[in-house]
Amino acid sequence: GLFTRLMSIGVFMLATGILLGSGWLGTTCLDEWQIGVLGVAAGFTIFLTGGGRFALDAVLAKKAIGSKKWFQIFNSGTLPLKTGNLKKLVLIGSIGIFSLTLFTNQYFHGGVYGELHNLSVRPHVTITKAQLVNDELSFTVFRDEGADVYGSFLIGVQLLDKEGNILFERNQNELAKMAVSDITNDYVAKVKPGKHSLILPLGARAKLQFKDMDLMNLEGDFTLKLIDISGIEWKVEIK
């Protein structure tokens, strides 16, 4: 209850970040979406009302500092706005939050109209910076969607030519024994070898490196293919 309105701005901004940054997460419900929407609405409401009689702001308001305009803006008390302007602020803020709620629900889940979709149902991996240099194949994998309760289990890495012939391959047993030194993780969630595959947890991003003499002197355009244990495949072109 100290600097209540200032804290409410922090709550509003944090909730907005959660809502827009990870509102799709949640395997059984709209977890972060609910948290984000509630936080945005609550932050705006607290900004309008300020702290109650049991807040620390109420104690300070009884002192001379309580009559200061900056105190009323950042702490608690009646907002120094004309009644008409305050009504406009409430109306614009309410319409904005209502619109944000509908837009994000539709964007993340299709809950307003059309077919419902849930990005947490199946894993998705984004492949970037794929390149073949001399005897080394390297690329970055980012597990950006899918269930949060388990990882994507990578059981195959293949390099294909234009005709679809396999020029280089690593199967699940080889990926399970992949050296940690060939995996460069960016985040706390780490890509790592598992018992039967290479595990890609949700939110993990890492650069993978494979060295093999069979890669030497390969020229032309290639396709890099990753295979998940569920049968899902992800591909990217290497030119």
C-alpha atoms as a PDB file:
ATOM      1  CA  GLY A   1       0.000   0.000   0.000  1.00  0.00           C
ATOM      2  CA  LEU A   2       2.960   2.370  -0.456  1.00  0.00           C
ATOM      3  CA  PHE A   3       3.139   4.334  -3.727  1.00  0.00           C
ATOM      4  CA  THR A   4       0.044   2.378  -4.722  1.00  0.00           C
ATOM      5  CA  ARG A   5      -0.592   4.048  -8.054  1.00  0.00           C
ATOM      6  CA  LEU A   6       3.052   3.844  -9.063  1.00  0.00           C
ATOM      7  CA  MET A   7       3.035   0.126  -8.242  1.00  0.00           C
ATOM      8  CA  SER A   8      -0.184  -0.327 -10.222  1.00  0.00           C
ATOM      9  CA  ILE A   9       1.610   0.972 -13.328  1.00  0.00           C
ATOM     10  CA  GLY A  10       4.254  -1.713 -12.769  1.00  0.00           C
ATOM     11  CA  VAL A  11       1.551  -4.360 -12.420  1.00  0.00           C
ATOM     12  CA  PHE A  12      -0.123  -3.123 -15.618  1.00  0.00           C
ATOM     13  CA  MET A  13       3.121  -3.213 -17.613  1.00  0.00           C
ATOM     14  CA  LEU A  14       4.211  -6.608 -16.258  1.00  0.00           C
ATOM     15  CA  ALA A  15       0.818  -8.154 -16.980  1.00  0.00           C
ATOM     16  CA  THR A  16       0.798  -6.694 -20.486  1.00  0.00           C
ATOM     17  CA  GLY A  17       4.207  -8.219 -21.115  1.00  0.00           C
ATOM     18  CA  ILE A  18       3.017 -11.619 -19.903  1.00  0.00           C
ATOM     19  CA  LEU A  19      -0.145 -11.357 -21.979  1.00  0.00           C
ATOM     20  CA  LEU A  20       1.558 -10.399 -25.238  1.00  0.00           C
ATOM     21  CA  GLY A  21       4.739 -12.405 -24.722  1.00  0.00           C
ATOM     22  CA  SER A  22       3.441 -15.789 -23.597  1.00  0.00           C
ATOM     23  CA  GLY A  23      -0.341 -15.645 -23.575  1.00  0.00           C
ATOM     24  CA  TRP A  24      -0.600 -18.868 -25.594  1.00  0.00           C
ATOM     25  CA  LEU A  25       1.042 -21.064 -22.928  1.00  0.00           C
ATOM     26  CA  GLY A  26      -0.940 -23.621 -20.971  1.00  0.00           C
ATOM     27  CA  THR A  27      -1.769 -27.214 -21.856  1.00  0.00           C
ATOM     28  CA  THR A  28      -5.128 -27.479 -20.113  1.00  0.00           C
ATOM     29  CA  CYS A  29      -6.390 -23.886 -19.981  1.00  0.00           C
ATOM     30  CA  LEU A  30      -5.521 -20.336 -21.004  1.00  0.00           C
ATOM     31  CA  ASP A  31      -3.060 -20.013 -18.123  1.00  0.00           C
ATOM     32  CA  GLU A  32      -0.919 -16.981 -18.896  1.00  0.00           C
ATOM     33  CA  TRP A  33      -3.707 -15.355 -20.886  1.00  0.00           C
ATOM     34  CA  GLN A  34      -5.928 -15.351 -17.808  1.00  0.00           C
ATOM     35  CA  ILE A  35      -3.109 -14.028 -15.619  1.00  0.00           C
ATOM     36  CA  GLY A  36      -2.267 -11.321 -18.143  1.00  0.00           C
ATOM     37  CA  VAL A  37      -5.826 -10.113 -18.692  1.00  0.00           C
ATOM     38  CA  LEU A  38      -6.571 -10.085 -14.964  1.00  0.00           C
ATOM     39  CA  GLY A  39      -3.324  -8.224 -14.228  1.00  0.00           C
ATOM     40  CA  VAL A  40      -4.001  -5.560 -16.857  1.00  0.00           C
ATOM     41  CA  ALA A  41      -7.535  -4.966 -15.565  1.00  0.00           C
ATOM     42  CA  ALA A  42      -6.439  -5.028 -11.925  1.00  0.00           C
ATOM     43  CA  GLY A  43      -3.541  -2.642 -12.531  1.00  0.00           C
ATOM     44  CA  PHE A  44      -5.815  -0.114 -14.222  1.00  0.00           C
ATOM     45  CA  THR A  45      -8.448  -0.426 -11.487  1.00  0.00           C
ATOM     46  CA  ILE A  46      -5.916   0.054  -8.688  1.00  0.00           C
ATOM     47  CA  PHE A  47      -4.520   3.103 -10.476  1.00  0.00           C
ATOM     48  CA  LEU A  48      -7.987   4.660 -10.480  1.00  0.00           C
ATOM     49  CA  THR A  49      -8.795   3.846  -6.863  1.00  0.00           C
ATOM     50  CA  GLY A  50      -5.434   4.100  -5.126  1.00  0.00           C
ATOM     51  CA  GLY A  51      -4.912   2.466  -1.732  1.00  0.00           C
ATOM     52  CA  GLY A  52      -7.585   2.017   0.934  1.00  0.00           C
ATOM     53  CA  ARG A  53      -7.690   3.195   4.529  1.00  0.00           C
ATOM     54  CA  PHE A  54      -5.371   0.402   5.659  1.00  0.00           C
ATOM     55  CA  ALA A  55      -2.666   1.237   3.094  1.00  0.00           C
ATOM     56  CA  LEU A  56       0.536   3.007   4.114  1.00  0.00           C
ATOM     57  CA  ASP A  57      -0.475   5.755   1.726  1.00  0.00           C
ATOM     58  CA  ALA A  58      -3.423   6.509   4.035  1.00  0.00           C
ATOM     59  CA  VAL A  59      -1.022   7.189   6.905  1.00  0.00           C
ATOM     60  CA  LEU A  60       1.072   9.540   4.799  1.00  0.00           C
ATOM     61  CA  ALA A  61      -2.052  11.238   3.435  1.00  0.00           C
ATOM     62  CA  LYS A  62      -2.853  12.541   6.917  1.00  0.00           C
ATOM     63  CA  LYS A  63       0.405  14.468   6.911  1.00  0.00           C
ATOM     64  CA  ALA A  64       1.215  17.613   4.952  1.00  0.00           C
ATOM     65  CA  ILE A  65       2.672  15.558   2.122  1.00  0.00           C
ATOM     66  CA  GLY A  66      -0.770  14.136   1.424  1.00  0.00           C
ATOM     67  CA  SER A  67      -1.943  17.407  -0.105  1.00  0.00           C
ATOM     68  CA  LYS A  68       0.811  17.435  -2.707  1.00  0.00           C
ATOM     69  CA  LYS A  69      -0.295  16.849  -6.292  1.00  0.00           C
ATOM     70  CA  TRP A  70       2.527  14.363  -6.997  1.00  0.00           C
ATOM     71  CA  PHE A  71       1.493  12.352  -3.933  1.00  0.00           C
ATOM     72  CA  GLN A  72      -2.051  11.977  -5.238  1.00  0.00           C
ATOM     73  CA  ILE A  73      -0.754  10.885  -8.660  1.00  0.00           C
ATOM     74  CA  PHE A  74       1.806   8.320  -7.481  1.00  0.00           C
ATOM     75  CA  ASN A  75       0.427   7.239  -4.108  1.00  0.00           C
ATOM     76  CA  SER A  76      -3.279   7.440  -3.328  1.00  0.00           C
ATOM     77  CA  GLY A  77      -6.099   9.875  -2.934  1.00  0.00           C
ATOM     78  CA  THR A  78      -8.394  11.619  -5.380  1.00  0.00           C
ATOM     79  CA  LEU A  79      -6.802  11.917  -8.808  1.00  0.00           C
ATOM     80  CA  PRO A  80      -6.159  15.590  -9.637  1.00  0.00           C
ATOM     81  CA  LEU A  81      -8.391  15.457 -12.713  1.00  0.00           C
ATOM     82  CA  LYS A  82     -11.628  17.176 -13.589  1.00  0.00           C
ATOM     83  CA  THR A  83     -14.683  14.935 -13.398  1.00  0.00           C
ATOM     84  CA  GLY A  84     -15.152  15.002 -17.157  1.00  0.00           C
ATOM     85  CA  ASN A  85     -11.529  14.035 -17.826  1.00  0.00           C
ATOM     86  CA  LEU A  86     -11.694  11.258 -15.235  1.00  0.00           C
ATOM     87  CA  LYS A  87     -14.784   9.814 -16.907  1.00  0.00           C
ATOM     88  CA  LYS A  88     -12.994   9.889 -20.271  1.00  0.00           C
ATOM     89  CA  LEU A  89      -9.974   8.104 -18.757  1.00  0.00           C
ATOM     90  CA  VAL A  90     -12.207   5.379 -17.298  1.00  0.00           C
ATOM     91  CA  LEU A  91     -14.131   4.945 -20.559  1.00  0.00           C
ATOM     92  CA  ILE A  92     -11.052   4.886 -22.832  1.00  0.00           C
ATOM     93  CA  GLY A  93      -9.164   2.559 -20.491  1.00  0.00           C
ATOM     94  CA  SER A  94     -12.103   0.170 -20.173  1.00  0.00           C
ATOM     95  CA  ILE A  95     -12.672   0.015 -23.933  1.00  0.00           C
ATOM     96  CA  GLY A  96      -8.952  -0.497 -24.500  1.00  0.00           C
ATOM     97  CA  ILE A  97      -8.694  -3.374 -22.003  1.00  0.00           C
ATOM     98  CA  PHE A  98     -11.889  -4.954 -23.327  1.00  0.00           C
ATOM     99  CA  SER A  99     -10.530  -4.775 -26.878  1.00  0.00           C
ATOM    100  CA  LEU A 100      -7.160  -6.167 -25.796  1.00  0.00           C
ATOM    101  CA  THR A 101      -8.930  -9.072 -24.076  1.00  0.00           C
ATOM    102  CA  LEU A 102     -10.929  -9.997 -27.164  1.00  0.00           C
ATOM    103  CA  PHE A 103      -7.988  -9.520 -29.544  1.00  0.00           C
ATOM    104  CA  THR A 104      -5.517 -11.650 -27.581  1.00  0.00           C
ATOM    105  CA  ASN A 105      -8.063 -14.410 -26.984  1.00  0.00           C
ATOM    106  CA  GLN A 106      -8.790 -14.538 -30.706  1.00  0.00           C
ATOM    107  CA  TYR A 107      -5.124 -14.311 -31.709  1.00  0.00           C
ATOM    108  CA  PHE A 108      -3.872 -17.001 -29.343  1.00  0.00           C
ATOM    109  CA  HIS A 109      -6.870 -19.344 -29.329  1.00  0.00           C
ATOM    110  CA  GLY A 110      -9.509 -18.283 -31.850  1.00  0.00           C
ATOM    111  CA  GLY A 111     -11.957 -17.985 -28.970  1.00  0.00           C
ATOM    112  CA  VAL A 112     -14.027 -15.097 -30.350  1.00  0.00           C
ATOM    113  CA  TYR A 113     -14.920 -16.548 -33.755  1.00  0.00           C
ATOM    114  CA  GLY A 114     -13.795 -19.323 -36.079  1.00  0.00           C
ATOM    115  CA  GLU A 115     -12.069 -22.561 -35.168  1.00  0.00           C
ATOM    116  CA  LEU A 116     -10.403 -22.906 -31.771  1.00  0.00           C
ATOM    117  CA  HIS A 117      -6.668 -23.618 -31.796  1.00  0.00           C
ATOM    118  CA  ASN A 118      -4.164 -24.368 -29.059  1.00  0.00           C
ATOM    119  CA  LEU A 119      -0.445 -23.961 -29.726  1.00  0.00           C
ATOM    120  CA  SER A 120       0.288 -26.086 -26.667  1.00  0.00           C
ATOM    121  CA  VAL A 121      -1.088 -29.278 -28.192  1.00  0.00           C
ATOM    122  CA  ARG A 122       2.006 -30.282 -30.201  1.00  0.00           C
ATOM    123  CA  PRO A 123       5.665 -29.255 -30.162  1.00  0.00           C
ATOM    124  CA  HIS A 124       7.093 -26.827 -32.677  1.00  0.00           C
ATOM    125  CA  VAL A 125      10.750 -26.114 -33.363  1.00  0.00           C
ATOM    126  CA  THR A 126      12.152 -23.159 -35.283  1.00  0.00           C
ATOM    127  CA  ILE A 127      15.422 -23.735 -37.137  1.00  0.00           C
ATOM    128  CA  THR A 128      17.720 -20.784 -37.893  1.00  0.00           C
ATOM    129  CA  LYS A 129      21.332 -20.073 -38.884  1.00  0.00           C
ATOM    130  CA  ALA A 130      21.696 -23.422 -40.617  1.00  0.00           C
ATOM    131  CA  GLN A 131      25.005 -23.648 -42.447  1.00  0.00           C
ATOM    132  CA  LEU A 132      27.462 -26.173 -43.793  1.00  0.00           C
ATOM    133  CA  VAL A 133      31.117 -25.180 -43.584  1.00  0.00           C
ATOM    134  CA  ASN A 134      33.827 -27.684 -44.477  1.00  0.00           C
ATOM    135  CA  ASP A 135      33.145 -30.759 -42.337  1.00  0.00           C
ATOM    136  CA  GLU A 136      30.742 -29.052 -39.887  1.00  0.00           C
ATOM    137  CA  LEU A 137      26.969 -28.766 -39.991  1.00  0.00           C
ATOM    138  CA  SER A 138      25.583 -26.242 -37.499  1.00  0.00           C
ATOM    139  CA  PHE A 139      22.181 -24.725 -36.816  1.00  0.00           C
ATOM    140  CA  THR A 140      20.126 -23.171 -34.016  1.00  0.00           C
ATOM    141  CA  VAL A 141      16.978 -24.829 -32.705  1.00  0.00           C
ATOM    142  CA  PHE A 142      14.340 -22.975 -30.702  1.00  0.00           C
ATOM    143  CA  ARG A 143      11.456 -24.857 -29.081  1.00  0.00           C
ATOM    144  CA  ASP A 144       8.933 -21.998 -29.230  1.00  0.00           C
ATOM    145  CA  GLU A 145       5.599 -23.822 -28.944  1.00  0.00           C
ATOM    146  CA  GLY A 146       4.101 -26.954 -27.479  1.00  0.00           C
ATOM    147  CA  ALA A 147       3.227 -28.595 -24.193  1.00  0.00           C
ATOM    148  CA  ASP A 148       5.073 -27.190 -21.220  1.00  0.00           C
ATOM    149  CA  VAL A 149       5.068 -30.448 -19.258  1.00  0.00           C
ATOM    150  CA  TYR A 150       7.511 -32.287 -21.523  1.00  0.00           C
ATOM    151  CA  GLY A 151      10.014 -31.574 -24.242  1.00  0.00           C
ATOM    152  CA  SER A 152      10.276 -32.320 -27.900  1.00  0.00           C
ATOM    153  CA  PHE A 153      12.231 -35.549 -28.297  1.00  0.00           C
ATOM    154  CA  LEU A 154      14.457 -35.271 -31.337  1.00  0.00           C
ATOM    155  CA  ILE A 155      15.183 -38.687 -32.844  1.00  0.00           C
ATOM    156  CA  GLY A 156      16.587 -37.715 -36.216  1.00  0.00           C
ATOM    157  CA  VAL A 157      18.741 -35.115 -37.961  1.00  0.00           C
ATOM    158  CA  GLN A 158      19.123 -35.484 -41.712  1.00  0.00           C
ATOM    159  CA  LEU A 159      20.813 -33.543 -44.488  1.00  0.00           C
ATOM    160  CA  LEU A 160      19.160 -34.174 -47.864  1.00  0.00           C
ATOM    161  CA  ASP A 161      20.076 -33.247 -51.418  1.00  0.00           C
ATOM    162  CA  LYS A 162      17.629 -31.929 -54.035  1.00  0.00           C
ATOM    163  CA  GLU A 163      16.500 -35.465 -54.885  1.00  0.00           C
ATOM    164  CA  GLY A 164      15.787 -36.295 -51.260  1.00  0.00           C
ATOM    165  CA  ASN A 165      18.797 -38.557 -50.804  1.00  0.00           C
ATOM    166  CA  ILE A 166      20.238 -38.653 -47.294  1.00  0.00           C
ATOM    167  CA  LEU A 167      23.795 -37.300 -47.319  1.00  0.00           C
ATOM    168  CA  PHE A 168      24.239 -37.134 -43.559  1.00  0.00           C
ATOM    169  CA  GLU A 169      22.200 -38.537 -40.675  1.00  0.00           C
ATOM    170  CA  ARG A 170      22.146 -38.814 -36.902  1.00  0.00           C
ATOM    171  CA  ASN A 171      19.610 -41.249 -35.400  1.00  0.00           C
ATOM    172  CA  GLN A 172      18.070 -41.200 -31.936  1.00  0.00           C
ATOM    173  CA  ASN A 173      20.778 -43.325 -30.333  1.00  0.00           C
ATOM    174  CA  GLU A 174      23.497 -41.072 -31.686  1.00  0.00           C
ATOM    175  CA  LEU A 175      21.611 -37.941 -30.603  1.00  0.00           C
ATOM    176  CA  ALA A 176      21.168 -39.416 -27.121  1.00  0.00           C
ATOM    177  CA  LYS A 177      24.950 -39.683 -26.907  1.00  0.00           C
ATOM    178  CA  MET A 178      25.653 -36.259 -28.356  1.00  0.00           C
ATOM    179  CA  ALA A 179      28.517 -34.459 -26.633  1.00  0.00           C
ATOM    180  CA  VAL A 180      27.476 -31.563 -24.419  1.00  0.00           C
ATOM    181  CA  SER A 181      30.358 -29.561 -25.884  1.00  0.00           C
ATOM    182  CA  ASP A 182      28.547 -29.619 -29.255  1.00  0.00           C
ATOM    183  CA  ILE A 183      25.465 -27.956 -27.718  1.00  0.00           C
ATOM    184  CA  THR A 184      25.590 -24.223 -26.921  1.00  0.00           C
ATOM    185  CA  ASN A 185      22.517 -23.228 -24.890  1.00  0.00           C
ATOM    186  CA  ASP A 186      21.227 -19.660 -24.688  1.00  0.00           C
ATOM    187  CA  TYR A 187      18.688 -19.895 -21.861  1.00  0.00           C
ATOM    188  CA  VAL A 188      18.021 -21.552 -18.513  1.00  0.00           C
ATOM    189  CA  ALA A 189      15.921 -24.219 -20.223  1.00  0.00           C
ATOM    190  CA  LYS A 190      18.574 -26.366 -21.883  1.00  0.00           C
ATOM    191  CA  VAL A 191      18.701 -28.651 -24.885  1.00  0.00           C
ATOM    192  CA  LYS A 192      20.426 -31.820 -23.678  1.00  0.00           C
ATOM    193  CA  PRO A 193      20.931 -35.497 -24.510  1.00  0.00           C
ATOM    194  CA  GLY A 194      18.350 -37.825 -22.961  1.00  0.00           C
ATOM    195  CA  LYS A 195      18.248 -41.572 -22.519  1.00  0.00           C
ATOM    196  CA  HIS A 196      16.733 -42.248 -25.945  1.00  0.00           C
ATOM    197  CA  SER A 197      16.865 -38.904 -27.806  1.00  0.00           C
ATOM    198  CA  LEU A 198      17.885 -35.256 -27.757  1.00  0.00           C
ATOM    199  CA  ILE A 199      15.507 -33.360 -25.472  1.00  0.00           C
ATOM    200  CA  LEU A 200      14.275 -29.866 -26.390  1.00  0.00           C
ATOM    201  CA  PRO A 201      12.322 -28.338 -23.470  1.00  0.00           C
ATOM    202  CA  LEU A 202       9.832 -25.532 -24.057  1.00  0.00           C
ATOM    203  CA  GLY A 203      11.656 -22.212 -24.276  1.00  0.00           C
ATOM    204  CA  ALA A 204      15.057 -23.789 -24.933  1.00  0.00           C
ATOM    205  CA  ARG A 205      17.269 -22.421 -27.681  1.00  0.00           C
ATOM    206  CA  ALA A 206      20.665 -23.838 -28.583  1.00  0.00           C
ATOM    207  CA  LYS A 207      23.206 -24.069 -31.351  1.00  0.00           C
ATOM    208  CA  LEU A 208      23.944 -27.651 -32.407  1.00  0.00           C
ATOM    209  CA  GLN A 209      27.149 -28.670 -34.154  1.00  0.00           C
ATOM    210  CA  PHE A 210      27.878 -31.890 -36.039  1.00  0.00           C
ATOM    211  CA  LYS A 211      31.313 -32.707 -37.453  1.00  0.00           C
ATOM    212  CA  ASP A 212      31.798 -35.507 -39.964  1.00  0.00           C
ATOM    213  CA  MET A 213      34.193 -36.078 -42.834  1.00  0.00           C
ATOM    214  CA  ASP A 214      31.204 -37.081 -44.993  1.00  0.00           C
ATOM    215  CA  LEU A 215      30.215 -33.401 -44.950  1.00  0.00           C
ATOM    216  CA  MET A 216      33.483 -32.315 -46.525  1.00  0.00           C
ATOM    217  CA  ASN A 217      33.346 -30.950 -50.072  1.00  0.00           C
ATOM    218  CA  LEU A 218      29.547 -31.114 -50.324  1.00  0.00           C
ATOM    219  CA  GLU A 219      28.256 -28.463 -52.703  1.00  0.00           C
ATOM    220  CA  GLY A 220      24.856 -27.258 -53.822  1.00  0.00           C
ATOM    221  CA  ASP A 221      21.519 -26.670 -52.091  1.00  0.00           C
ATOM    222  CA  PHE A 222      20.452 -28.920 -49.253  1.00  0.00           C
ATOM    223  CA  THR A 223      17.511 -29.531 -46.936  1.00  0.00           C
ATOM    224  CA  LEU A 224      18.006 -29.937 -43.210  1.00  0.00           C
ATOM    225  CA  LYS A 225      15.309 -32.093 -41.617  1.00  0.00           C
ATOM    226  CA  LEU A 226      14.632 -32.648 -37.923  1.00  0.00           C
ATOM    227  CA  ILE A 227      12.383 -35.516 -36.813  1.00  0.00           C
ATOM    228  CA  ASP A 228      10.418 -35.544 -33.553  1.00  0.00           C
ATOM    229  CA  ILE A 229       9.492 -38.814 -31.837  1.00  0.00           C
ATOM    230  CA  SER A 230       5.830 -37.987 -32.531  1.00  0.00           C
ATOM    231  CA  GLY A 231       6.539 -38.089 -36.256  1.00  0.00           C
ATOM    232  CA  ILE A 232       6.482 -34.328 -36.759  1.00  0.00           C
ATOM    233  CA  GLU A 233       9.193 -33.042 -39.085  1.00  0.00           C
ATOM    234  CA  TRP A 234      10.727 -29.597 -39.431  1.00  0.00           C
ATOM    235  CA  LYS A 235      12.722 -28.539 -42.485  1.00  0.00           C
ATOM    236  CA  VAL A 236      14.861 -25.621 -43.586  1.00  0.00           C
ATOM    237  CA  GLU A 237      16.829 -24.981 -46.768  1.00  0.00           C
ATOM    238  CA  ILE A 238      20.611 -24.557 -46.762  1.00  0.00           C
ATOM    239  CA  LYS A 239      22.006 -22.718 -49.791  1.00  0.00           C
END
